[in-house]
Protein backbone atom coordinates (compact mmCIF):
# COMPACT_ATOMS: atom_id res chain seq x y z
CA MET A 1 0.05 0.04 0.44
CA GLU A 2 0.41 3.39 -0.68
CA LEU A 3 1.89 6.06 1.94
CA ARG A 4 -0.16 9.35 1.68
CA LEU A 5 0.83 12.77 3.46
CA ARG A 6 -2.76 14.16 4.69
CA PRO A 7 -3.16 16.33 8.03
CA LEU A 8 -4.13 15.06 11.41
CA ARG A 9 -7.62 14.27 11.75
CA ALA A 10 -9.95 13.38 15.05
CA GLN A 11 -9.60 9.86 14.51
CA ASP A 12 -5.98 9.72 14.86
CA GLU A 13 -5.86 10.56 18.33
CA GLU A 14 -5.96 6.82 19.80
CA SER A 15 -3.03 5.92 17.29
CA ALA A 16 -1.24 9.31 17.40
CA LEU A 17 -0.98 9.00 21.10
CA ALA A 18 0.78 5.30 20.94
CA ALA A 19 2.98 6.65 18.46
CA GLN A 20 3.80 9.37 20.65
CA ALA A 21 4.79 6.60 23.36
CA GLU A 22 6.33 3.94 21.07
CA LEU A 23 8.88 6.95 20.07
CA ARG A 24 9.48 8.41 23.39
CA GLU A 25 11.03 5.29 23.92
CA ASP A 26 13.12 6.53 21.69
CA GLY A 27 14.21 9.51 22.83
CA PHE A 28 12.15 11.42 20.16
CA THR A 29 8.80 12.99 20.07
CA PHE A 30 5.79 12.08 17.74
CA LEU A 31 3.60 14.90 18.39
CA LEU A 32 4.98 18.05 18.54
CA ASP A 33 4.15 20.74 21.28
CA PHE A 34 1.25 18.39 22.52
CA ASP A 35 -0.28 19.42 25.72
CA THR A 36 -2.70 17.27 27.83
CA GLU A 37 -4.23 20.39 28.79
CA ILE A 38 -6.20 20.94 25.79
CA SER A 39 -8.29 18.56 24.05
CA TRP A 40 -7.51 16.50 21.01
CA GLU A 41 -9.16 18.32 18.63
CA GLN A 42 -7.74 21.52 19.70
CA TYR A 43 -5.13 20.20 19.03
CA VAL A 44 -5.81 19.00 15.48
CA ARG A 45 -6.96 22.75 15.16
CA ARG A 46 -3.68 24.21 16.73
CA TRP A 47 -2.28 22.72 13.41
CA ASP A 48 -4.80 23.77 11.24
CA GLY A 49 -3.85 27.64 12.15
CA TYR A 50 -0.09 27.08 12.28
CA ARG A 51 -0.30 25.80 8.34
CA ARG A 52 -1.80 28.94 8.07
CA GLY A 53 0.18 31.31 9.54
CA ASP A 54 -2.51 31.52 12.45
CA ALA A 55 -1.21 32.10 16.38
CA LEU A 56 1.86 31.15 15.71
CA ALA A 57 3.45 29.60 19.27
CA GLU A 58 6.85 31.66 20.59
CA GLY A 59 9.46 29.84 18.47
CA TYR A 60 6.89 28.28 15.78
CA VAL A 61 7.40 29.02 11.95
CA ARG A 62 4.08 28.44 9.33
CA SER A 63 4.45 24.74 9.38
CA ALA A 64 2.58 21.60 8.48
CA PHE A 65 2.20 18.91 10.50
CA LEU A 66 1.25 15.73 8.50
CA ALA A 67 0.42 12.18 9.19
CA ALA A 68 2.12 9.39 7.19
CA ASP A 69 -1.33 7.03 6.58
CA VAL A 70 -0.84 4.00 4.69
CA GLY A 71 -4.21 1.85 4.46
CA GLY A 72 -6.11 3.90 7.63
CA GLU A 73 -2.85 3.24 9.36
CA LEU A 74 -0.82 5.90 10.80
CA VAL A 75 2.54 5.09 10.40
CA GLY A 76 4.61 8.07 11.16
CA ARG A 77 4.70 11.37 11.03
CA ALA A 78 6.17 14.84 8.66
CA SER A 79 6.41 18.39 10.41
CA VAL A 80 7.18 20.69 7.13
CA ARG A 81 8.44 24.50 7.84
CA PHE A 82 7.99 26.96 5.72
CA SER A 83 10.85 29.30 6.64
CA LEU A 84 13.57 28.66 8.82
CA ASN A 85 14.07 30.48 12.49
CA ASP A 86 17.56 31.00 13.84
CA PHE A 87 16.85 27.43 16.35
CA LEU A 88 15.59 25.37 13.16
CA ARG A 89 18.67 26.91 10.59
CA HIS A 90 20.82 25.61 13.24
CA GLU A 91 19.68 21.95 13.86
CA GLY A 92 15.74 21.62 13.67
CA GLY A 93 15.18 22.33 9.50
CA HIS A 94 12.50 22.61 6.86
CA ILE A 95 11.57 19.02 7.57
CA GLY A 96 11.63 16.26 10.41
CA TYR A 97 10.18 13.69 10.14
CA ALA A 98 9.31 9.83 12.16
CA ILE A 99 8.46 6.45 11.29
CA ARG A 100 6.97 4.26 13.96
CA PRO A 101 9.08 1.11 14.81
CA ALA A 102 6.82 -1.24 14.19
CA TYR A 103 7.20 0.26 10.08
CA ARG A 104 10.43 0.77 9.61
CA ARG A 105 12.85 -0.48 7.53
CA ARG A 106 9.46 -0.45 5.31
CA GLY A 107 11.06 1.82 2.68
CA TYR A 108 7.70 4.44 4.60
CA ALA A 109 10.68 7.16 5.78
CA ARG A 110 12.07 7.71 1.44
CA ALA A 111 8.56 8.25 0.62
CA LEU A 112 7.31 10.33 3.27
CA LEU A 113 10.83 12.69 2.86
CA GLY A 114 9.98 12.25 -0.76
CA GLN A 115 6.34 14.13 -0.30
CA ALA A 116 7.48 16.22 2.36
CA LEU A 117 9.66 17.84 -0.26
CA VAL A 118 6.68 18.48 -2.73
CA VAL A 119 4.81 19.97 0.03
CA ALA A 120 7.46 22.32 0.74
CA ARG A 121 7.98 23.14 -2.68
CA ALA A 122 4.81 23.60 -2.90
CA GLU A 123 5.08 26.34 -0.23
CA GLY A 124 8.00 28.43 -1.90
CA VAL A 125 10.85 26.84 -0.17
CA GLY A 126 14.13 26.47 -2.51
CA ASP A 127 16.62 24.58 -0.88
CA VAL A 128 15.60 22.41 2.11
CA LEU A 129 17.57 21.77 5.01
CA VAL A 130 16.82 18.77 6.30
CA THR A 131 18.45 17.15 9.63
CA CYS A 132 19.17 14.48 11.63
CA ASN A 133 21.00 12.96 14.47
CA ASP A 134 24.54 11.99 13.58
CA ASP A 135 24.35 8.77 14.92
CA ASN A 136 21.16 8.41 13.02
CA GLU A 137 22.78 6.16 9.77
CA ALA A 138 19.29 5.29 8.88
CA SER A 139 17.84 8.76 9.08
CA ALA A 140 21.04 9.72 6.99
CA ARG A 141 20.85 7.33 4.13
CA VAL A 142 17.03 8.56 3.05
CA ILE A 143 18.16 12.20 3.06
CA GLN A 144 20.73 11.10 1.28
CA SER A 145 18.52 9.57 -1.01
CA HIS A 146 17.52 12.45 -2.36
CA ALA A 147 19.76 13.86 -2.98
CA GLY A 148 20.74 16.03 0.43
CA GLU A 149 24.28 16.98 0.22
CA LEU A 150 25.91 16.95 3.83
CA GLU A 151 27.28 20.95 5.27
CA ASP A 152 28.65 19.92 8.30
CA VAL A 153 27.55 18.34 11.43
CA VAL A 154 26.89 20.59 14.56
CA VAL A 155 26.68 20.72 18.26
CA ALA A 156 22.58 21.07 18.88
CA SER A 157 21.15 22.94 21.95
CA ASP A 158 20.85 19.62 23.95
CA GLY A 159 25.00 18.51 23.05
CA ARG A 160 24.00 15.96 20.81
CA LEU A 161 25.77 16.18 17.40
CA VAL A 162 23.14 16.80 14.22
CA ARG A 163 24.27 16.58 10.39
CA ARG A 164 22.87 19.35 8.17
CA TYR A 165 21.57 18.57 4.37
CA TRP A 166 20.45 20.52 1.90
CA ILE A 167 18.39 19.88 -0.60
CA ARG A 168 18.93 21.62 -3.47
């Protein structure tokens, strides 16, 4: 089945929260800026607004949070930022993505990044910065498969080493 990027929906709550718990074990956040003080419906609406540039939280830029759907199953997510602030320019990049552990090694990350690049370009992003942890060889291969050119490795704000790739 083919992977499709789409906005989060109300019915994604259970699957997205499960993905959040799974990826927490890897030290990764699936749901960005998720706050249990708000409802799932409010969270989905927040991201709809962020895509339009409405009511952006401090440190956020206009962006899309997209679910990676395969046959109705949430297998991953992409965050596509349409501009860069200082943090994103240094270590976050235009596109961030994650694949749930049970769905890795099936080509979904490559498909997800390819579709995220289309979204970024449709929103006017030219050269796209994509980053990954220095020790994440699988992600580095995915980025390189889309002609990512390694610019450098930087120290992130939390001390991790981060590879910075440009896809022209």
